[in-house]
């Protein structure tokens, strides 16, 4: 096994991360440093998955204290994602962000890789989560209105 080299500047940066009081920003900083170490050592740069992704989408409102990373040897990670929970979380988060995703770009990439049928299935699932999310948010907003009236 080859030795992993960590640049002294990254060690210093890692030490400075301890000064960050916001745990979400601290975790993002650590994940960034890990990614840079991978890149510097010509190892497949990892992708952040799991709770830290949710924390990022909610700008730190969701709390997690672990950093889940996966490294894939392909430029289209959805083809190799076998962890069902991670896939479910990713699909739900895409549903929440549905209107902000660049679907035309995704379709062109899926066409180039000859996986348009698979991608259409994913988009259909994501759309269902978008609809569920919107219904849930309607209920939450209605409850907030009711509480404010009291």
Protein backbone atom coordinates (compact mmCIF):
# COMPACT_ATOMS: atom_id res chain seq x y z
CA UNK A 1 0.00 0.00 0.00
CA UNK A 2 1.33 3.42 -0.96
CA UNK A 3 1.93 6.06 1.67
CA UNK A 4 -0.47 8.99 1.64
CA UNK A 5 1.26 12.36 1.63
CA UNK A 6 -0.37 15.24 3.52
CA UNK A 7 1.03 18.68 2.75
CA UNK A 8 2.10 20.63 5.86
CA UNK A 9 -0.29 23.43 4.91
CA UNK A 10 -3.19 20.96 5.10
CA UNK A 11 -2.10 19.86 8.59
CA UNK A 12 -2.11 23.52 9.63
CA UNK A 13 -5.52 24.01 8.04
CA UNK A 14 -6.81 20.93 9.84
CA UNK A 15 -5.62 22.35 13.16
CA UNK A 16 -7.39 25.64 12.44
CA UNK A 17 -10.67 23.80 11.81
CA UNK A 18 -10.88 23.19 15.55
CA UNK A 19 -11.55 26.92 15.98
CA UNK A 20 -14.78 26.76 13.92
CA UNK A 21 -17.67 26.78 16.38
CA UNK A 22 -20.43 25.79 13.92
CA UNK A 23 -20.24 21.97 13.72
CA UNK A 24 -21.76 21.90 10.21
CA UNK A 25 -19.12 24.29 8.86
CA UNK A 26 -16.44 22.38 10.77
CA UNK A 27 -17.52 19.09 9.16
CA UNK A 28 -17.57 20.72 5.71
CA UNK A 29 -14.05 22.01 6.28
CA UNK A 30 -12.80 18.56 7.31
CA UNK A 31 -14.48 16.96 4.26
CA UNK A 32 -12.82 19.58 2.04
CA UNK A 33 -9.41 18.83 3.53
CA UNK A 34 -9.90 15.08 3.05
CA UNK A 35 -10.92 15.69 -0.57
CA UNK A 36 -7.79 17.79 -1.15
CA UNK A 37 -5.59 15.06 0.37
CA UNK A 38 -7.17 12.52 -1.99
CA UNK A 39 -6.68 14.85 -4.96
CA UNK A 40 -3.05 15.59 -4.05
CA UNK A 41 -2.35 11.84 -3.86
CA UNK A 42 -4.07 11.11 -7.19
CA UNK A 43 -6.79 9.06 -5.51
CA UNK A 44 -10.40 9.25 -6.66
CA UNK A 45 -11.82 12.32 -4.95
CA UNK A 46 -14.61 11.25 -2.59
CA UNK A 47 -18.20 12.42 -2.73
CA UNK A 48 -19.95 13.55 0.44
CA UNK A 49 -23.10 11.50 1.10
CA UNK A 50 -25.46 10.93 4.02
CA UNK A 51 -26.20 13.32 6.85
CA UNK A 52 -23.66 15.98 5.90
CA UNK A 53 -25.41 16.38 2.55
CA UNK A 54 -28.72 16.91 4.33
CA UNK A 55 -27.05 19.36 6.72
CA UNK A 56 -25.67 21.26 3.74
CA UNK A 57 -29.03 21.47 1.97
CA UNK A 58 -30.63 22.73 5.18
CA UNK A 59 -27.70 25.10 5.85
CA UNK A 60 -26.91 23.43 9.15
CA UNK A 61 -30.46 23.05 10.46
CA UNK A 62 -30.14 19.25 10.26
CA UNK A 63 -27.40 18.11 12.63
CA UNK A 64 -24.99 15.25 12.10
CA UNK A 65 -21.57 14.52 13.57
CA UNK A 66 -20.17 12.10 11.06
CA UNK A 67 -18.80 12.53 7.57
CA UNK A 68 -19.83 9.87 5.07
CA UNK A 69 -17.77 9.75 1.89
CA UNK A 70 -17.81 7.44 -1.09
CA UNK A 71 -15.27 7.23 -3.87
CA UNK A 72 -16.39 5.89 -7.21
CA UNK A 73 -14.39 5.12 -10.30
CA UNK A 74 -16.90 6.57 -12.73
CA UNK A 75 -18.08 10.03 -13.64
CA UNK A 76 -21.72 9.06 -13.05
CA UNK A 77 -21.99 7.88 -9.42
CA UNK A 78 -25.68 6.94 -9.51
CA UNK A 79 -24.82 3.79 -11.48
CA UNK A 80 -22.70 2.35 -8.67
CA UNK A 81 -24.60 3.52 -5.62
CA UNK A 82 -25.59 0.26 -3.97
CA UNK A 83 -26.28 1.51 -0.46
CA UNK A 84 -30.08 1.71 -0.45
CA UNK A 85 -30.29 4.23 2.41
CA UNK A 86 -27.87 6.60 0.69
CA UNK A 87 -29.76 6.25 -2.55
CA UNK A 88 -33.04 7.00 -0.78
CA UNK A 89 -31.60 10.08 0.94
CA UNK A 90 -30.10 11.34 -2.33
CA UNK A 91 -33.43 10.84 -4.11
CA UNK A 92 -35.35 12.66 -1.38
CA UNK A 93 -32.91 15.57 -1.35
CA UNK A 94 -33.16 15.81 -5.14
CA UNK A 95 -36.93 15.94 -4.67
CA UNK A 96 -36.60 18.85 -2.27
CA UNK A 97 -34.33 20.65 -4.76
CA UNK A 98 -36.27 19.48 -7.85
CA UNK A 99 -37.09 22.94 -9.23
CA UNK A 100 -33.47 24.05 -8.83
CA UNK A 101 -31.84 21.14 -10.68
CA UNK A 102 -30.65 21.48 -14.26
CA UNK A 103 -32.68 18.61 -15.73
CA UNK A 104 -31.77 19.37 -19.35
CA UNK A 105 -28.09 18.93 -18.51
CA UNK A 106 -28.84 15.68 -16.65
CA UNK A 107 -30.78 14.38 -19.65
CA UNK A 108 -27.96 15.23 -22.05
CA UNK A 109 -25.46 13.43 -19.81
CA UNK A 110 -27.75 10.39 -19.50
CA UNK A 111 -28.15 10.34 -23.31
CA UNK A 112 -24.38 10.44 -23.82
CA UNK A 113 -23.99 7.47 -21.45
CA UNK A 114 -26.89 5.53 -22.97
CA UNK A 115 -28.75 5.36 -19.67
CA UNK A 116 -31.68 7.62 -20.47
CA UNK A 117 -34.26 4.96 -19.50
CA UNK A 118 -32.64 4.52 -16.09
CA UNK A 119 -32.41 8.28 -15.67
CA UNK A 120 -36.07 8.76 -16.56
CA UNK A 121 -36.95 6.25 -13.83
CA UNK A 122 -34.83 8.21 -11.34
CA UNK A 123 -36.41 11.51 -12.36
CA UNK A 124 -39.89 10.02 -11.97
CA UNK A 125 -39.02 8.88 -8.41
CA UNK A 126 -37.52 12.25 -7.59
CA UNK A 127 -40.66 14.02 -8.87
CA UNK A 128 -42.77 11.87 -6.53
CA UNK A 129 -40.62 12.98 -3.58
CA UNK A 130 -40.97 16.60 -4.73
CA UNK A 131 -44.75 16.26 -4.66
CA UNK A 132 -44.63 14.60 -1.22
CA UNK A 133 -42.35 17.34 0.09
CA UNK A 134 -44.65 20.08 -1.19
CA UNK A 135 -47.67 18.44 0.47
CA UNK A 136 -45.76 18.14 3.73
CA UNK A 137 -44.67 21.80 3.58
CA UNK A 138 -48.26 22.88 2.90
CA UNK A 139 -49.31 21.10 6.10
CA UNK A 140 -46.45 22.65 8.07
CA UNK A 141 -47.31 26.15 6.81
CA UNK A 142 -50.98 25.62 7.64
CA UNK A 143 -50.06 24.55 11.18
CA UNK A 144 -47.84 27.61 11.57
CA UNK A 145 -50.66 29.89 10.46
CA UNK A 146 -53.03 28.22 12.95
CA UNK A 147 -50.52 28.67 15.80
CA UNK A 148 -49.95 32.34 14.95
CA UNK A 149 -53.68 33.02 15.11
CA UNK A 150 -53.90 31.67 18.68
